[in-house]
Amino acid sequence: MADNNPRRILFIVPTLEQGCSGVGDYTRQLSTELELLGWKCRLASLCESREHERSYGALGKKEFLGHVTLLSRPDERASFVEWIRQEPPYWVSLQFVTYGYHSKGLPLTLGTRLAKLPWDAKYHIMFHETWIGGQGANLYRRFVGFIQRKIIARLPLQLGGALCHTHSLPYAEQLEAIGVRVRRLPLFSNIPTAIPWQREEFCNWLSGRFGLKIQNSDILAVHFGTIYPDWDPFPLFHRLDSRLKRNGKRLLLLSIGRAGQGAEVLAQRFERQGFTSVRFVALGRLADFELSQCLHAATAGLSSTPPDLIQKSCAAAALFEHGLPVFASRPAVFGPDMLARVQTEVPYLVTAESVLMDILDFPPQPRGQILQNTPQSVAARFVADLDSVC
């Protein structure tokens, strides 16, 4: 039975390993804000890798470490059910990522397994992603995407008519087109905004921590988060290198955060290009305070997320919150018309290379916070939407 307290919620995520999943980190932050509003939150990961110890309570009272088999084994199911019975939820929020609950992106039994769990709770689904196989995709990706659409269309029905959210405008229209009624809930930054250092203090930190020598006149740009292997920024970098050389300037591109193997590939390619005015350095994972200082020191951000899907990127949200215009160089997935509509909602998204060049030449001053979606405001909106269907 569900608890009669409508302020009790269980979040289900693919992974709870801190710093290894934007969805997991987002959900942790959201639950923290909800608890400040008087909610009782618990988090469960039902698809942890087999490398992790399967136990409940290992991550704290409100967290449950699950298993890749999604409770298909009787002992896993029994442990989870016992943990839930201690504080049965009124709401169950599934944080849906297409490949988060199945390595091939086909969680065919996700809805039925959740529906069979012994609780009488209301369901909520946050669609962080939808399906693959858009225009120009190969036959395999189109086939997988067709099955994923069927899974997604059926999921809210399997869960008793779940309230559904998504972050981005393109995803919202995709979901509506297959019959999933969905509301928008914006992302917020997972990186607290620190009081910025002076430029000299930041330069000294870079030198002492990483051995990087930079001049006050050097321009800094940042890429935060995953660098996707299919992102090819080198035509842009060649043009930047030529322009900066003519103007007697240098650009340092810092990769910060968990960039993945794409950062190594990018660094190797940089070494072979022979740039004289553009450098690339991967700093890797940093403390939140240090990461915030890098964003404060930068003039612009670069994103390898397609521009019309920028609203699904927590990394881009952090860049915006620190006052950075964000340049997205990849082609739009959903076409120019959708991109234009997204840009009306995200005015500091930059897609024209000439605009990026001007920003690097003449940084806008003063620079304040751009993003209006704070964790507190998003949590309040989330609560209002849940209350509207209680």
Foldseek 3Di string as FASTA:
>chain_A
DADPPQLEEEEEFLDCDPQPDPLNLQVVLLVVLSVVVVHHYAYEHAADEPVDDQDQCPVHLRYGYHHLVRCPDVVRLVRVLVSCVVHPHQEYEYEDDQCSNPVVSQPPCVLVSVLPRPDDHAYEYEDLDAAFDAPPDDPVRVVRRVNRLVSLLCRCVSRPNHAYEYAAPVVCVVCVVSPRHYYHFFGAASFDADDEDDPVVLQVCCCVVPVDHDDPQAAEEEEEEADDQPQDCVVVVVVVLVVCVVVVYAYEYEYEGAHPPSLVVVQVVVVVPPRDRYHYDYPYYDDSHNVNNSLLRHLAYEYQDAQSSLRSDSRSNSSLQSQHQYEHADHHRVDDVSNVVVCVVVVSHDDDSVVVVVCRVPRDPPGHRGDPDHSNNSSVVVVVVSVVVD
